[in-house]
């Protein structure tokens, strides 16, 4: 007589526990990563655009910019690359988060997830973690492009890893801004348009491409306290790239601390707003 051995039951995690919440986040993250893989055009376009911008600035415009304390196109190429890392991460992360979240709201996916016995913030956190995974791929491609145009790391691998960690932390924080926007608009097209209203001032009113000392007083103050400026300045400091002139401003003298503080503050505030908005989205 054949007796088939019964499969051991899969242990169920209690709702509300940290393990259950973590599993929910991982499930949603996996869903978003698979979704990105099945639509490779989005990832490819997010990689092609920054590469084109790098080549344009490196070989067409580099000779037109001057840096305090550094001369020549080669110096500017090293100066601009941390700015391009930050700009690419900011645009890719915020745009992807907002448009994807707006799509989920419009398609009714948010309502479906809300009806499931899962952590309330799992859909949101899974979205931002998936964007973090995509950012790692984008940064890897950008590093290869940067090396081709003459950018180099001068302070060793450990500091370079710390610089990339700060860039990715900033991207993760900005992904929560995108989630808030995606939950607040009525259509993905509105989400895509809304990003330009804050991403352009954030990236161009900063030290990413020009030294703040060349700006008028009010704009210089705004650029020095810009969250993206702090991350770019910290990355330049850790990479050992040119452009670290003494301005006397507190953010410029403590860029790593300011960068971490800004990123954590943005992430905490926007995550709180996103969770509250998620509770009423689509209703």
C-alpha atoms as a PDB file:
ATOM      1  CA  UNK A   1       0.000   0.000   0.000  1.00  0.00           C
ATOM      2  CA  UNK A   2       1.492   3.295  -1.153  1.00  0.00           C
ATOM      3  CA  UNK A   3       1.242   6.094   1.297  1.00  0.00           C
ATOM      4  CA  UNK A   4       2.227   9.438  -0.123  1.00  0.00           C
ATOM      5  CA  UNK A   5       4.027  11.639   2.333  1.00  0.00           C
ATOM      6  CA  UNK A   6       2.154  14.831   2.937  1.00  0.00           C
ATOM      7  CA  UNK A   7       4.093  18.007   2.176  1.00  0.00           C
ATOM      8  CA  UNK A   8       4.932  19.988   5.272  1.00  0.00           C
ATOM      9  CA  UNK A   9       2.647  22.974   5.665  1.00  0.00           C
ATOM     10  CA  UNK A  10       4.061  26.363   4.749  1.00  0.00           C
ATOM     11  CA  UNK A  11       4.256  28.428   7.920  1.00  0.00           C
ATOM     12  CA  UNK A  12       2.054  31.479   7.785  1.00  0.00           C
ATOM     13  CA  UNK A  13       3.340  34.696   9.203  1.00  0.00           C
ATOM     14  CA  UNK A  14       1.074  36.668  11.481  1.00  0.00           C
ATOM     15  CA  UNK A  15      -0.176  39.971  10.062  1.00  0.00           C
ATOM     16  CA  UNK A  16       1.491  42.979  11.580  1.00  0.00           C
ATOM     17  CA  UNK A  17       4.794  41.259  12.326  1.00  0.00           C
ATOM     18  CA  UNK A  18       8.089  42.568  10.978  1.00  0.00           C
ATOM     19  CA  UNK A  19       8.744  39.295   9.128  1.00  0.00           C
ATOM     20  CA  UNK A  20       5.352  39.451   7.411  1.00  0.00           C
ATOM     21  CA  UNK A  21       5.897  43.091   6.407  1.00  0.00           C
ATOM     22  CA  UNK A  22       9.360  42.276   5.039  1.00  0.00           C
ATOM     23  CA  UNK A  23       7.993  39.390   2.984  1.00  0.00           C
ATOM     24  CA  UNK A  24       5.258  41.632   1.579  1.00  0.00           C
ATOM     25  CA  UNK A  25       7.860  44.227   0.576  1.00  0.00           C
ATOM     26  CA  UNK A  26      10.020  41.593  -1.126  1.00  0.00           C
ATOM     27  CA  UNK A  27       7.033  40.223  -3.040  1.00  0.00           C
ATOM     28  CA  UNK A  28       6.103  43.679  -4.348  1.00  0.00           C
ATOM     29  CA  UNK A  29       9.746  44.477  -5.133  1.00  0.00           C
ATOM     30  CA  UNK A  30      10.018  41.266  -7.153  1.00  0.00           C
ATOM     31  CA  UNK A  31       6.826  42.147  -9.006  1.00  0.00           C
ATOM     32  CA  UNK A  32       8.168  45.589  -9.954  1.00  0.00           C
ATOM     33  CA  UNK A  33      11.594  44.275 -11.003  1.00  0.00           C
ATOM     34  CA  UNK A  34      10.012  41.597 -13.207  1.00  0.00           C
ATOM     35  CA  UNK A  35       7.733  44.220 -14.685  1.00  0.00           C
ATOM     36  CA  UNK A  36      10.779  46.360 -15.588  1.00  0.00           C
ATOM     37  CA  UNK A  37      12.554  43.380 -17.168  1.00  0.00           C
ATOM     38  CA  UNK A  38       9.514  42.646 -19.315  1.00  0.00           C
ATOM     39  CA  UNK A  39       9.521  46.259 -20.554  1.00  0.00           C
ATOM     40  CA  UNK A  40      13.249  46.753 -21.273  1.00  0.00           C
ATOM     41  CA  UNK A  41      12.630  49.879 -23.355  1.00  0.00           C
ATOM     42  CA  UNK A  42      12.127  51.898 -20.176  1.00  0.00           C
ATOM     43  CA  UNK A  43      15.481  50.853 -18.717  1.00  0.00           C
ATOM     44  CA  UNK A  44      17.292  51.273 -22.032  1.00  0.00           C
ATOM     45  CA  UNK A  45      15.945  54.797 -22.532  1.00  0.00           C
ATOM     46  CA  UNK A  46      16.855  55.733 -18.964  1.00  0.00           C
ATOM     47  CA  UNK A  47      20.437  54.675 -19.757  1.00  0.00           C
ATOM     48  CA  UNK A  48      20.779  56.202 -23.227  1.00  0.00           C
ATOM     49  CA  UNK A  49      19.718  59.733 -22.285  1.00  0.00           C
ATOM     50  CA  UNK A  50      22.348  60.348 -19.563  1.00  0.00           C
ATOM     51  CA  UNK A  51      25.087  58.821 -21.742  1.00  0.00           C
ATOM     52  CA  UNK A  52      24.207  61.264 -24.538  1.00  0.00           C
ATOM     53  CA  UNK A  53      24.275  64.191 -22.087  1.00  0.00           C
ATOM     54  CA  UNK A  54      27.657  63.111 -20.740  1.00  0.00           C
ATOM     55  CA  UNK A  55      29.150  62.972 -24.221  1.00  0.00           C
ATOM     56  CA  UNK A  56      27.682  66.370 -25.123  1.00  0.00           C
ATOM     57  CA  UNK A  57      29.015  68.086 -22.011  1.00  0.00           C
ATOM     58  CA  UNK A  58      32.356  66.275 -22.098  1.00  0.00           C
ATOM     59  CA  UNK A  59      33.255  67.036 -25.696  1.00  0.00           C
ATOM     60  CA  UNK A  60      31.143  70.007 -26.812  1.00  0.00           C
ATOM     61  CA  UNK A  61      30.653  72.232 -23.763  1.00  0.00           C
ATOM     62  CA  UNK A  62      33.536  71.371 -21.429  1.00  0.00           C
ATOM     63  CA  UNK A  63      35.816  74.008 -22.953  1.00  0.00           C
ATOM     64  CA  UNK A  64      33.230  76.736 -22.287  1.00  0.00           C
ATOM     65  CA  UNK A  65      33.175  76.274 -18.498  1.00  0.00           C
ATOM     66  CA  UNK A  66      35.739  77.500 -16.029  1.00  0.00           C
ATOM     67  CA  UNK A  67      36.256  76.239 -12.501  1.00  0.00           C
ATOM     68  CA  UNK A  68      37.802  78.192  -9.634  1.00  0.00           C
ATOM     69  CA  UNK A  69      41.171  76.596  -8.990  1.00  0.00           C
ATOM     70  CA  UNK A  70      40.996  74.167 -11.919  1.00  0.00           C
ATOM     71  CA  UNK A  71      41.713  74.796 -15.584  1.00  0.00           C
ATOM     72  CA  UNK A  72      40.959  72.911 -18.783  1.00  0.00           C
ATOM     73  CA  UNK A  73      38.330  70.592 -20.230  1.00  0.00           C
ATOM     74  CA  UNK A  74      39.812  67.544 -18.494  1.00  0.00           C
ATOM     75  CA  UNK A  75      39.298  69.117 -15.064  1.00  0.00           C
ATOM     76  CA  UNK A  76      35.716  70.021 -15.921  1.00  0.00           C
ATOM     77  CA  UNK A  77      34.988  66.460 -17.050  1.00  0.00           C
ATOM     78  CA  UNK A  78      35.991  65.184 -13.627  1.00  0.00           C
ATOM     79  CA  UNK A  79      34.047  67.995 -11.967  1.00  0.00           C
ATOM     80  CA  UNK A  80      30.833  67.310 -13.882  1.00  0.00           C
ATOM     81  CA  UNK A  81      30.615  63.526 -13.453  1.00  0.00           C
ATOM     82  CA  UNK A  82      29.416  63.469  -9.802  1.00  0.00           C
ATOM     83  CA  UNK A  83      26.797  65.990 -10.901  1.00  0.00           C
ATOM     84  CA  UNK A  84      25.713  63.724 -13.726  1.00  0.00           C
ATOM     85  CA  UNK A  85      25.550  60.743 -11.383  1.00  0.00           C
ATOM     86  CA  UNK A  86      23.225  62.700  -9.094  1.00  0.00           C
ATOM     87  CA  UNK A  87      21.135  64.189 -11.904  1.00  0.00           C
ATOM     88  CA  UNK A  88      20.641  60.831 -13.618  1.00  0.00           C
ATOM     89  CA  UNK A  89      19.606  59.125 -10.395  1.00  0.00           C
ATOM     90  CA  UNK A  90      17.237  61.972  -9.490  1.00  0.00           C
ATOM     91  CA  UNK A  91      15.464  62.043 -12.859  1.00  0.00           C
ATOM     92  CA  UNK A  92      15.305  58.262 -13.311  1.00  0.00           C
ATOM     93  CA  UNK A  93      14.132  57.561  -9.776  1.00  0.00           C
ATOM     94  CA  UNK A  94      11.524  60.268  -9.322  1.00  0.00           C
ATOM     95  CA  UNK A  95      10.066  59.888 -12.816  1.00  0.00           C
ATOM     96  CA  UNK A  96       9.869  56.103 -12.628  1.00  0.00           C
ATOM     97  CA  UNK A  97       8.326  56.135  -9.142  1.00  0.00           C
ATOM     98  CA  UNK A  98       5.698  58.749  -9.908  1.00  0.00           C
ATOM     99  CA  UNK A  99       4.616  57.379 -13.292  1.00  0.00           C
ATOM    100  CA  UNK A 100       4.546  53.746 -12.117  1.00  0.00           C
ATOM    101  CA  UNK A 101       2.566  54.632  -9.009  1.00  0.00           C
ATOM    102  CA  UNK A 102       0.122  56.743 -11.032  1.00  0.00           C
ATOM    103  CA  UNK A 103      -0.321  53.777 -13.386  1.00  0.00           C
ATOM    104  CA  UNK A 104      -1.102  51.503 -10.441  1.00  0.00           C
ATOM    105  CA  UNK A 105      -3.695  53.958  -9.145  1.00  0.00           C
ATOM    106  CA  UNK A 106      -5.334  54.407 -12.549  1.00  0.00           C
ATOM    107  CA  UNK A 107      -5.412  50.674 -13.325  1.00  0.00           C
ATOM    108  CA  UNK A 108      -6.976  49.804  -9.966  1.00  0.00           C
ATOM    109  CA  UNK A 109      -3.910  47.922  -8.755  1.00  0.00           C
ATOM    110  CA  UNK A 110      -3.752  50.064  -5.607  1.00  0.00           C
ATOM    111  CA  UNK A 111      -7.322  49.072  -4.698  1.00  0.00           C
ATOM    112  CA  UNK A 112      -6.464  45.394  -5.208  1.00  0.00           C
ATOM    113  CA  UNK A 113      -3.409  45.590  -2.996  1.00  0.00           C
ATOM    114  CA  UNK A 114      -5.357  47.483  -0.352  1.00  0.00           C
ATOM    115  CA  UNK A 115      -7.895  44.661  -0.190  1.00  0.00           C
ATOM    116  CA  UNK A 116      -5.196  42.048   0.494  1.00  0.00           C
ATOM    117  CA  UNK A 117      -4.002  41.085   4.001  1.00  0.00           C
ATOM    118  CA  UNK A 118      -0.629  42.740   3.598  1.00  0.00           C
ATOM    119  CA  UNK A 119       1.305  45.580   5.184  1.00  0.00           C
ATOM    120  CA  UNK A 120      -0.141  48.940   4.211  1.00  0.00           C
ATOM    121  CA  UNK A 121       3.219  50.335   3.128  1.00  0.00           C
ATOM    122  CA  UNK A 122       4.419  47.198   1.278  1.00  0.00           C
ATOM    123  CA  UNK A 123       3.299  48.434  -2.146  1.00  0.00           C
ATOM    124  CA  UNK A 124       5.045  51.764  -1.595  1.00  0.00           C
ATOM    125  CA  UNK A 125       8.253  50.396  -0.091  1.00  0.00           C
ATOM    126  CA  UNK A 126       8.426  47.687  -2.755  1.00  0.00           C
ATOM    127  CA  UNK A 127       8.192  50.393  -5.399  1.00  0.00           C
ATOM    128  CA  UNK A 128      11.075  52.385  -3.927  1.00  0.00           C
ATOM    129  CA  UNK A 129      13.282  49.330  -3.361  1.00  0.00           C
ATOM    130  CA  UNK A 130      12.749  48.275  -6.991  1.00  0.00           C
ATOM    131  CA  UNK A 131      13.843  51.759  -8.056  1.00  0.00           C
ATOM    132  CA  UNK A 132      16.943  51.355  -5.900  1.00  0.00           C
ATOM    133  CA  UNK A 133      17.799  48.137  -7.759  1.00  0.00           C
ATOM    134  CA  UNK A 134      17.372  49.936 -11.080  1.00  0.00           C
ATOM    135  CA  UNK A 135      19.581  52.779  -9.872  1.00  0.00           C
ATOM    136  CA  UNK A 136      22.415  50.352  -9.171  1.00  0.00           C
ATOM    137  CA  UNK A 137      22.282  49.259 -12.823  1.00  0.00           C
ATOM    138  CA  UNK A 138      22.128  52.864 -14.042  1.00  0.00           C
ATOM    139  CA  UNK A 139      25.110  53.877 -11.900  1.00  0.00           C
ATOM    140  CA  UNK A 140      27.162  50.929 -13.166  1.00  0.00           C
ATOM    141  CA  UNK A 141      26.586  52.014 -16.784  1.00  0.00           C
ATOM    142  CA  UNK A 142      27.302  55.643 -15.924  1.00  0.00           C
ATOM    143  CA  UNK A 143      30.603  54.708 -14.284  1.00  0.00           C
ATOM    144  CA  UNK A 144      31.752  52.977 -17.466  1.00  0.00           C
ATOM    145  CA  UNK A 145      30.793  56.039 -19.507  1.00  0.00           C
ATOM    146  CA  UNK A 146      32.548  58.341 -17.024  1.00  0.00           C
ATOM    147  CA  UNK A 147      35.775  56.344 -17.210  1.00  0.00           C
ATOM    148  CA  UNK A 148      35.701  56.627 -20.999  1.00  0.00           C
ATOM    149  CA  UNK A 149      35.545  60.452 -20.896  1.00  0.00           C
ATOM    150  CA  UNK A 150      38.393  60.750 -18.398  1.00  0.00           C
ATOM    151  CA  UNK A 151      36.775  60.676 -14.950  1.00  0.00           C
ATOM    152  CA  UNK A 152      38.843  58.947 -12.266  1.00  0.00           C
ATOM    153  CA  UNK A 153      38.654  57.943  -8.584  1.00  0.00           C
ATOM    154  CA  UNK A 154      41.579  59.424  -6.639  1.00  0.00           C
ATOM    155  CA  UNK A 155      40.905  58.525  -2.991  1.00  0.00           C
ATOM    156  CA  UNK A 156      40.604  54.748  -3.132  1.00  0.00           C
ATOM    157  CA  UNK A 157      37.800  52.220  -3.410  1.00  0.00           C
ATOM    158  CA  UNK A 158      36.356  52.457   0.155  1.00  0.00           C
ATOM    159  CA  UNK A 159      35.672  56.189  -0.195  1.00  0.00           C
ATOM    160  CA  UNK A 160      34.295  55.655  -3.691  1.00  0.00           C
ATOM    161  CA  UNK A 161      31.866  53.040  -2.337  1.00  0.00           C
ATOM    162  CA  UNK A 162      30.796  55.545   0.320  1.00  0.00           C
ATOM    163  CA  UNK A 163      30.203  58.166  -2.386  1.00  0.00           C
ATOM    164  CA  UNK A 164      28.031  55.820  -4.422  1.00  0.00           C
ATOM    165  CA  UNK A 165      26.144  54.887  -1.253  1.00  0.00           C
ATOM    166  CA  UNK A 166      25.330  58.566  -0.673  1.00  0.00           C
ATOM    167  CA  UNK A 167      24.141  58.925  -4.277  1.00  0.00           C
ATOM    168  CA  UNK A 168      21.911  55.867  -3.988  1.00  0.00           C
ATOM    169  CA  UNK A 169      20.570  57.042  -0.617  1.00  0.00           C
ATOM    170  CA  UNK A 170      19.617  60.352  -2.194  1.00  0.00           C
ATOM    171  CA  UNK A 171      17.922  58.477  -5.042  1.00  0.00           C
ATOM    172  CA  UNK A 172      15.980  56.335  -2.585  1.00  0.00           C
ATOM    173  CA  UNK A 173      14.803  59.451  -0.752  1.00  0.00           C
ATOM    174  CA  UNK A 174      13.698  61.121  -3.994  1.00  0.00           C
ATOM    175  CA  UNK A 175      11.806  57.984  -5.000  1.00  0.00           C
ATOM    176  CA  UNK A 176       9.471  58.690  -2.079  1.00  0.00           C
ATOM    177  CA  UNK A 177       8.857  62.154  -3.547  1.00  0.00           C
ATOM    178  CA  UNK A 178       7.873  60.429  -6.779  1.00  0.00           C
ATOM    179  CA  UNK A 179       5.548  58.062  -4.914  1.00  0.00           C
ATOM    180  CA  UNK A 180       3.756  61.004  -3.274  1.00  0.00           C
ATOM    181  CA  UNK A 181       3.312  62.665  -6.666  1.00  0.00           C
ATOM    182  CA  UNK A 182       2.108  59.431  -8.265  1.00  0.00           C
ATOM    183  CA  UNK A 183      -0.530  59.008  -5.560  1.00  0.00           C
ATOM    184  CA  UNK A 184      -1.642  62.639  -5.819  1.00  0.00           C
ATOM    185  CA  UNK A 185      -2.282  63.071  -9.555  1.00  0.00           C
ATOM    186  CA  UNK A 186      -5.074  61.603 -11.646  1.00  0.00           C
ATOM    187  CA  UNK A 187      -3.082  60.333 -14.642  1.00  0.00           C
ATOM    188  CA  UNK A 188       0.443  59.078 -15.418  1.00  0.00           C
ATOM    189  CA  UNK A 189       0.860  61.917 -17.927  1.00  0.00           C
ATOM    190  CA  UNK A 190       0.304  64.438 -15.141  1.00  0.00           C
ATOM    191  CA  UNK A 191       2.884  62.657 -13.003  1.00  0.00           C
ATOM    192  CA  UNK A 192       5.484  62.846 -15.771  1.00  0.00           C
ATOM    193  CA  UNK A 193       4.825  66.564 -16.294  1.00  0.00           C
ATOM    194  CA  UNK A 194       4.824  67.363 -12.574  1.00  0.00           C
ATOM    195  CA  UNK A 195       8.357  66.046 -12.165  1.00  0.00           C
ATOM    196  CA  UNK A 196       9.837  68.804 -14.299  1.00  0.00           C
ATOM    197  CA  UNK A 197       8.461  71.457 -11.938  1.00  0.00           C
ATOM    198  CA  UNK A 198      10.792  70.406  -9.131  1.00  0.00           C
ATOM    199  CA  UNK A 199      13.516  68.285 -10.763  1.00  0.00           C
ATOM    200  CA  UNK A 200      14.836  71.059 -13.002  1.00  0.00           C
ATOM    201  CA  UNK A 201      15.316  73.595 -10.163  1.00  0.00           C
ATOM    202  CA  UNK A 202      16.763  70.840  -7.975  1.00  0.00           C
ATOM    203  CA  UNK A 203      19.386  69.785 -10.520  1.00  0.00           C
ATOM    204  CA  UNK A 204      20.267  73.020 -12.292  1.00  0.00           C
ATOM    205  CA  UNK A 205      20.113  75.339  -9.265  1.00  0.00           C
ATOM    206  CA  UNK A 206      22.920  73.365  -7.672  1.00  0.00           C
ATOM    207  CA  UNK A 207      26.652  72.798  -7.920  1.00  0.00           C
ATOM    208  CA  UNK A 208      26.211  69.910 -10.355  1.00  0.00           C
ATOM    209  CA  UNK A 209      27.451  71.803 -13.409  1.00  0.00           C
ATOM    210  CA  UNK A 210      28.594  75.252 -12.252  1.00  0.00           C
ATOM    211  CA  UNK A 211      30.373  76.459  -9.134  1.00  0.00           C
ATOM    212  CA  UNK A 212      27.966  78.256  -6.717  1.00  0.00           C
ATOM    213  CA  UNK A 213      30.571  81.013  -6.240  1.00  0.00           C
ATOM    214  CA  UNK A 214      29.777  82.216  -9.775  1.00  0.00           C
ATOM    215  CA  UNK A 215      26.079  82.785  -8.936  1.00  0.00           C
ATOM    216  CA  UNK A 216      24.365  85.880  -7.478  1.00  0.00           C
ATOM    217  CA  UNK A 217      23.992  85.946  -3.703  1.00  0.00           C
ATOM    218  CA  UNK A 218      20.440  84.595  -3.405  1.00  0.00           C
ATOM    219  CA  UNK A 219      20.982  81.876  -5.996  1.00  0.00           C
ATOM    220  CA  UNK A 220      24.321  80.955  -4.439  1.00  0.00           C
ATOM    221  CA  UNK A 221      22.671  80.486  -1.036  1.00  0.00           C
ATOM    222  CA  UNK A 222      19.936  78.318  -2.595  1.00  0.00           C
ATOM    223  CA  UNK A 223      22.496  76.245  -4.490  1.00  0.00           C
ATOM    224  CA  UNK A 224      24.650  75.687  -1.402  1.00  0.00           C
ATOM    225  CA  UNK A 225      21.692  74.441   0.680  1.00  0.00           C
ATOM    226  CA  UNK A 226      20.269  72.355  -2.152  1.00  0.00           C
ATOM    227  CA  UNK A 227      20.033  68.654  -1.112  1.00  0.00           C
ATOM    228  CA  UNK A 228      21.474  67.578  -4.449  1.00  0.00           C
ATOM    229  CA  UNK A 229      24.387  70.012  -4.047  1.00  0.00           C
ATOM    230  CA  UNK A 230      25.309  68.444  -0.718  1.00  0.00           C
ATOM    231  CA  UNK A 231      25.354  64.956  -2.240  1.00  0.00           C
ATOM    232  CA  UNK A 232      27.360  66.086  -5.268  1.00  0.00           C
ATOM    233  CA  UNK A 233      29.850  67.943  -3.080  1.00  0.00           C
ATOM    234  CA  UNK A 234      30.205  64.920  -0.803  1.00  0.00           C
ATOM    235  CA  UNK A 235      30.763  62.655  -3.808  1.00  0.00           C
ATOM    236  CA  UNK A 236      33.446  64.986  -5.202  1.00  0.00           C
ATOM    237  CA  UNK A 237      35.147  65.025  -1.835  1.00  0.00           C
ATOM    238  CA  UNK A 238      35.125  61.237  -1.530  1.00  0.00           C
ATOM    239  CA  UNK A 239      36.134  60.650  -5.159  1.00  0.00           C
ATOM    240  CA  UNK A 240      38.860  63.308  -4.987  1.00  0.00           C
ATOM    241  CA  UNK A 241      37.512  65.227  -7.986  1.00  0.00           C
ATOM    242  CA  UNK A 242      38.237  68.943  -8.616  1.00  0.00           C
ATOM    243  CA  UNK A 243      35.922  71.812  -7.752  1.00  0.00           C
ATOM    244  CA  UNK A 244      36.162  71.731  -3.946  1.00  0.00           C
ATOM    245  CA  UNK A 245      36.839  75.411  -3.402  1.00  0.00           C
ATOM    246  CA  UNK A 246      36.415  76.902   0.072  1.00  0.00           C
ATOM    247  CA  UNK A 247      33.240  79.010   0.050  1.00  0.00           C
ATOM    248  CA  UNK A 248      32.840  79.468   3.800  1.00  0.00           C
ATOM    249  CA  UNK A 249      29.301  78.050   3.772  1.00  0.00           C
ATOM    250  CA  UNK A 250      28.459  75.364   6.328  1.00  0.00           C
ATOM    251  CA  UNK A 251      26.957  72.885   3.793  1.00  0.00           C
ATOM    252  CA  UNK A 252      30.058  73.107   1.603  1.00  0.00           C
ATOM    253  CA  UNK A 253      32.325  72.433   4.588  1.00  0.00           C
ATOM    254  CA  UNK A 254      30.263  69.439   5.857  1.00  0.00           C
ATOM    255  CA  UNK A 255      28.786  67.912   2.691  1.00  0.00           C
ATOM    256  CA  UNK A 256      28.615  64.278   3.887  1.00  0.00           C
ATOM    257  CA  UNK A 257      26.671  65.172   7.028  1.00  0.00           C
ATOM    258  CA  UNK A 258      24.343  67.518   5.123  1.00  0.00           C
ATOM    259  CA  UNK A 259      23.766  64.930   2.392  1.00  0.00           C
ATOM    260  CA  UNK A 260      22.820  62.166   4.850  1.00  0.00           C
ATOM    261  CA  UNK A 261      20.602  64.543   6.846  1.00  0.00           C
ATOM    262  CA  UNK A 262      18.744  65.785   3.759  1.00  0.00           C
ATOM    263  CA  UNK A 263      18.221  62.274   2.383  1.00  0.00           C
ATOM    264  CA  UNK A 264      16.906  60.865   5.649  1.00  0.00           C
ATOM    265  CA  UNK A 265      14.658  63.881   6.229  1.00  0.00           C
ATOM    266  CA  UNK A 266      13.167  63.701   2.724  1.00  0.00           C
ATOM    267  CA  UNK A 267      12.659  59.931   2.988  1.00  0.00           C
ATOM    268  CA  UNK A 268      10.938  60.077   6.394  1.00  0.00           C
ATOM    269  CA  UNK A 269       8.667  63.024   5.571  1.00  0.00           C
ATOM    270  CA  UNK A 270       7.649  61.799   2.113  1.00  0.00           C
ATOM    271  CA  UNK A 271       7.170  58.216   3.275  1.00  0.00           C
ATOM    272  CA  UNK A 272       4.783  59.445   5.971  1.00  0.00           C
ATOM    273  CA  UNK A 273       2.852  61.503   3.417  1.00  0.00           C
ATOM    274  CA  UNK A 274       2.799  58.610   0.950  1.00  0.00           C
ATOM    275  CA  UNK A 275       1.394  56.116   3.467  1.00  0.00           C
ATOM    276  CA  UNK A 276      -1.368  58.562   4.417  1.00  0.00           C
ATOM    277  CA  UNK A 277      -2.148  59.272   0.789  1.00  0.00           C
ATOM    278  CA  UNK A 278      -2.130  55.555  -0.047  1.00  0.00           C
ATOM    279  CA  UNK A 279      -4.842  54.951   2.541  1.00  0.00           C
ATOM    280  CA  UNK A 280      -7.242  57.143   0.546  1.00  0.00           C
ATOM    281  CA  UNK A 281      -5.907  56.809  -3.017  1.00  0.00           C
ATOM    282  CA  UNK A 282      -8.460  55.719  -5.569  1.00  0.00           C
ATOM    283  CA  UNK A 283     -11.379  56.248  -3.186  1.00  0.00           C
END
